[in-house]
Amino acid sequence: MLDAALSSYGAQVVLVSSSDENHPPENILDGQTETFWVSTGMFPQEFIIRFPDNMKLFTISIHSYNIKNLRIEKGTSEDADKFEAIAETEFEHTESSLQNNDINVNVSNATHLRFLVLSGYDHFVSVHKVSVQS
């Protein structure tokens, strides 16, 4: 299966609600867990990933830290102006390791995914890697 959420495949982070120049949102798509995007506090936080093509999606994997509640929405238009919820989940708190969650979605078509971090276990959260099996 193809990981559609790699920048080397053509995926892009096209919107983030906050950014830190030392931990930019592009780190989410570099395929590594050592690099990450960090929020700047307050909730909700969001980021949107655009795929190079309309994709069929099976499983979304997210490596993160301090996320409590996450909603994932899909978009099917080029403009990324309308989204539909496809998953909402609560992550388990981890003290000294990354949260690693696989979310089965089986979506027939999507050009964008919007990730809404609704709450966290602390004021700041980090997203280290997002993988999308297509």
C-alpha atoms as a PDB file:
ATOM      1  CA  MET A   1       0.000   0.000   0.000  1.00  0.00           C
ATOM      2  CA  LEU A   2       1.022   3.564  -0.676  1.00  0.00           C
ATOM      3  CA  ASP A   3       1.610   6.170   2.053  1.00  0.00           C
ATOM      4  CA  ALA A   4      -0.217   9.105   0.477  1.00  0.00           C
ATOM      5  CA  ALA A   5       0.793  11.515   3.263  1.00  0.00           C
ATOM      6  CA  LEU A   6       4.456  11.815   2.361  1.00  0.00           C
ATOM      7  CA  SER A   7       5.814  15.083   1.033  1.00  0.00           C
ATOM      8  CA  SER A   8       7.977  13.025  -1.331  1.00  0.00           C
ATOM      9  CA  TYR A   9       4.731  11.685  -2.847  1.00  0.00           C
ATOM     10  CA  GLY A  10       3.384  15.231  -3.288  1.00  0.00           C
ATOM     11  CA  ALA A  11       1.266  15.690  -0.155  1.00  0.00           C
ATOM     12  CA  GLN A  12       1.355  19.171   1.387  1.00  0.00           C
ATOM     13  CA  VAL A  13       0.281  20.831   4.602  1.00  0.00           C
ATOM     14  CA  VAL A  14      -1.778  23.723   3.226  1.00  0.00           C
ATOM     15  CA  LEU A  15      -3.119  25.211   6.476  1.00  0.00           C
ATOM     16  CA  VAL A  16      -2.177  25.209  10.157  1.00  0.00           C
ATOM     17  CA  SER A  17      -3.760  27.120  13.011  1.00  0.00           C
ATOM     18  CA  SER A  18      -0.398  27.851  14.652  1.00  0.00           C
ATOM     19  CA  SER A  19       3.248  27.479  13.811  1.00  0.00           C
ATOM     20  CA  ASP A  20       6.670  27.545  15.447  1.00  0.00           C
ATOM     21  CA  GLU A  21       9.588  28.262  13.118  1.00  0.00           C
ATOM     22  CA  ASN A  22      11.700  25.612  14.868  1.00  0.00           C
ATOM     23  CA  HIS A  23       9.024  22.942  14.363  1.00  0.00           C
ATOM     24  CA  PRO A  24       7.226  23.727  11.093  1.00  0.00           C
ATOM     25  CA  PRO A  25       4.119  21.855   9.897  1.00  0.00           C
ATOM     26  CA  GLU A  26       6.018  20.312   6.972  1.00  0.00           C
ATOM     27  CA  ASN A  27       7.645  18.002   9.530  1.00  0.00           C
ATOM     28  CA  ILE A  28       4.356  16.084   9.777  1.00  0.00           C
ATOM     29  CA  LEU A  29       4.860  14.730   6.239  1.00  0.00           C
ATOM     30  CA  ASP A  30       8.589  13.961   6.171  1.00  0.00           C
ATOM     31  CA  GLY A  31       8.096  10.322   7.245  1.00  0.00           C
ATOM     32  CA  GLN A  32      10.148  10.688  10.438  1.00  0.00           C
ATOM     33  CA  THR A  33       9.038  10.649  14.073  1.00  0.00           C
ATOM     34  CA  GLU A  34      12.117  12.610  15.218  1.00  0.00           C
ATOM     35  CA  THR A  35      10.801  15.828  13.631  1.00  0.00           C
ATOM     36  CA  PHE A  36       7.432  17.359  14.481  1.00  0.00           C
ATOM     37  CA  TRP A  37       4.975  20.255  14.340  1.00  0.00           C
ATOM     38  CA  VAL A  38       4.113  21.787  17.698  1.00  0.00           C
ATOM     39  CA  SER A  39       1.045  23.849  18.520  1.00  0.00           C
ATOM     40  CA  THR A  40       1.370  27.178  20.276  1.00  0.00           C
ATOM     41  CA  GLY A  41      -1.315  26.525  22.879  1.00  0.00           C
ATOM     42  CA  MET A  42      -5.102  26.895  23.063  1.00  0.00           C
ATOM     43  CA  PHE A  43      -7.659  24.583  21.448  1.00  0.00           C
ATOM     44  CA  PRO A  44      -8.871  23.693  18.966  1.00  0.00           C
ATOM     45  CA  GLN A  45      -5.810  23.418  16.727  1.00  0.00           C
ATOM     46  CA  GLU A  46      -5.971  22.235  13.136  1.00  0.00           C
ATOM     47  CA  PHE A  47      -3.966  21.348  10.085  1.00  0.00           C
ATOM     48  CA  ILE A  48      -5.021  20.391   6.566  1.00  0.00           C
ATOM     49  CA  ILE A  49      -3.164  17.979   4.286  1.00  0.00           C
ATOM     50  CA  ARG A  50      -3.725  18.163   0.513  1.00  0.00           C
ATOM     51  CA  PHE A  51      -3.036  15.139  -1.668  1.00  0.00           C
ATOM     52  CA  PRO A  52      -1.742  15.433  -5.229  1.00  0.00           C
ATOM     53  CA  ASP A  53      -4.732  13.427  -6.502  1.00  0.00           C
ATOM     54  CA  ASN A  54      -8.159  12.283  -5.374  1.00  0.00           C
ATOM     55  CA  MET A  55      -7.335   9.355  -3.081  1.00  0.00           C
ATOM     56  CA  LYS A  56      -9.052   6.278  -1.688  1.00  0.00           C
ATOM     57  CA  LEU A  57      -8.058   6.064   1.987  1.00  0.00           C
ATOM     58  CA  PHE A  58      -7.997   3.023   4.243  1.00  0.00           C
ATOM     59  CA  THR A  59      -6.074   3.738   7.455  1.00  0.00           C
ATOM     60  CA  ILE A  60      -4.693   6.916   8.987  1.00  0.00           C
ATOM     61  CA  SER A  61      -1.801   6.520  11.436  1.00  0.00           C
ATOM     62  CA  ILE A  62      -0.789   9.406  13.649  1.00  0.00           C
ATOM     63  CA  HIS A  63       2.254   9.672  15.910  1.00  0.00           C
ATOM     64  CA  SER A  64       1.715  12.483  18.397  1.00  0.00           C
ATOM     65  CA  TYR A  65       2.190  13.715  21.928  1.00  0.00           C
ATOM     66  CA  ASN A  66      -0.410  15.120  24.361  1.00  0.00           C
ATOM     67  CA  ILE A  67      -3.425  14.925  22.006  1.00  0.00           C
ATOM     68  CA  LYS A  68      -6.592  14.001  23.886  1.00  0.00           C
ATOM     69  CA  ASN A  69      -9.450  14.392  21.373  1.00  0.00           C
ATOM     70  CA  LEU A  70      -9.017  14.402  17.604  1.00  0.00           C
ATOM     71  CA  ARG A  71     -11.538  14.717  14.776  1.00  0.00           C
ATOM     72  CA  ILE A  72     -10.580  13.944  11.174  1.00  0.00           C
ATOM     73  CA  GLU A  73     -12.585  15.313   8.259  1.00  0.00           C
ATOM     74  CA  LYS A  74     -12.294  14.725   4.526  1.00  0.00           C
ATOM     75  CA  GLY A  75     -12.647  17.223   1.724  1.00  0.00           C
ATOM     76  CA  THR A  76     -13.354  16.365  -1.892  1.00  0.00           C
ATOM     77  CA  SER A  77     -13.119  19.765  -3.581  1.00  0.00           C
ATOM     78  CA  GLU A  78     -10.011  21.448  -4.928  1.00  0.00           C
ATOM     79  CA  ASP A  79     -10.716  24.529  -2.784  1.00  0.00           C
ATOM     80  CA  ALA A  80     -10.786  22.698   0.572  1.00  0.00           C
ATOM     81  CA  ASP A  81     -13.850  24.649   1.616  1.00  0.00           C
ATOM     82  CA  LYS A  82     -16.250  21.848   2.611  1.00  0.00           C
ATOM     83  CA  PHE A  83     -15.430  18.995   4.950  1.00  0.00           C
ATOM     84  CA  GLU A  84     -17.239  15.933   6.286  1.00  0.00           C
ATOM     85  CA  ALA A  85     -16.306  14.166   9.529  1.00  0.00           C
ATOM     86  CA  ILE A  86     -14.926  10.652   9.030  1.00  0.00           C
ATOM     87  CA  ALA A  87     -13.523   9.873  12.487  1.00  0.00           C
ATOM     88  CA  GLU A  88     -13.417  11.191  16.024  1.00  0.00           C
ATOM     89  CA  THR A  89     -11.358   9.543  18.727  1.00  0.00           C
ATOM     90  CA  GLU A  90      -9.864  10.000  22.172  1.00  0.00           C
ATOM     91  CA  PHE A  91      -6.173   9.162  22.505  1.00  0.00           C
ATOM     92  CA  GLU A  92      -4.695   7.497  25.566  1.00  0.00           C
ATOM     93  CA  HIS A  93      -2.291   9.642  27.574  1.00  0.00           C
ATOM     94  CA  THR A  94       1.343   8.562  27.412  1.00  0.00           C
ATOM     95  CA  GLU A  95       3.944   9.928  29.806  1.00  0.00           C
ATOM     96  CA  SER A  96       7.282   9.397  28.096  1.00  0.00           C
ATOM     97  CA  SER A  97       6.541   7.986  24.661  1.00  0.00           C
ATOM     98  CA  LEU A  98       4.695   9.023  21.530  1.00  0.00           C
ATOM     99  CA  GLN A  99       1.035   8.229  21.077  1.00  0.00           C
ATOM    100  CA  ASN A 100       0.694   5.888  18.103  1.00  0.00           C
ATOM    101  CA  ASN A 101      -2.863   5.509  16.840  1.00  0.00           C
ATOM    102  CA  ASP A 102      -4.240   3.770  13.758  1.00  0.00           C
ATOM    103  CA  ILE A 103      -7.675   4.901  12.635  1.00  0.00           C
ATOM    104  CA  ASN A 104      -9.577   2.862  10.041  1.00  0.00           C
ATOM    105  CA  VAL A 105     -11.541   5.151   7.748  1.00  0.00           C
ATOM    106  CA  ASN A 106     -12.225   3.374   4.399  1.00  0.00           C
ATOM    107  CA  VAL A 107     -12.989   6.584   2.521  1.00  0.00           C
ATOM    108  CA  SER A 108     -13.730   6.277  -1.187  1.00  0.00           C
ATOM    109  CA  ASN A 109     -12.404   9.679  -2.225  1.00  0.00           C
ATOM    110  CA  ALA A 110     -10.600  12.607  -0.632  1.00  0.00           C
ATOM    111  CA  THR A 111      -8.444  15.455  -1.871  1.00  0.00           C
ATOM    112  CA  HIS A 112      -7.826  16.879   1.622  1.00  0.00           C
ATOM    113  CA  LEU A 113      -7.824  15.753   5.239  1.00  0.00           C
ATOM    114  CA  ARG A 114      -8.467  18.191   8.069  1.00  0.00           C
ATOM    115  CA  PHE A 115      -7.200  17.205  11.517  1.00  0.00           C
ATOM    116  CA  LEU A 116      -8.867  19.047  14.398  1.00  0.00           C
ATOM    117  CA  VAL A 117      -7.176  18.685  17.765  1.00  0.00           C
ATOM    118  CA  LEU A 118     -10.138  19.426  20.013  1.00  0.00           C
ATOM    119  CA  SER A 119      -8.297  19.042  23.315  1.00  0.00           C
ATOM    120  CA  GLY A 120      -4.984  17.970  24.757  1.00  0.00           C
ATOM    121  CA  TYR A 121      -3.471  16.602  27.949  1.00  0.00           C
ATOM    122  CA  ASP A 122      -1.382  19.792  28.189  1.00  0.00           C
ATOM    123  CA  HIS A 123      -1.423  23.291  26.693  1.00  0.00           C
ATOM    124  CA  PHE A 124       0.772  22.178  23.786  1.00  0.00           C
ATOM    125  CA  VAL A 125       0.564  19.163  21.491  1.00  0.00           C
ATOM    126  CA  SER A 126       2.930  17.839  18.851  1.00  0.00           C
ATOM    127  CA  VAL A 127       2.315  15.822  15.710  1.00  0.00           C
ATOM    128  CA  HIS A 128       5.372  13.865  14.623  1.00  0.00           C
ATOM    129  CA  LYS A 129       4.098  11.857  11.688  1.00  0.00           C
ATOM    130  CA  VAL A 130       0.901  11.224   9.773  1.00  0.00           C
ATOM    131  CA  SER A 131       0.660   8.214   7.449  1.00  0.00           C
ATOM    132  CA  VAL A 132      -2.286   7.577   5.174  1.00  0.00           C
ATOM    133  CA  GLN A 133      -2.598   4.129   3.611  1.00  0.00           C
ATOM    134  CA  SER A 134      -4.079   4.435   0.176  1.00  0.00           C
END
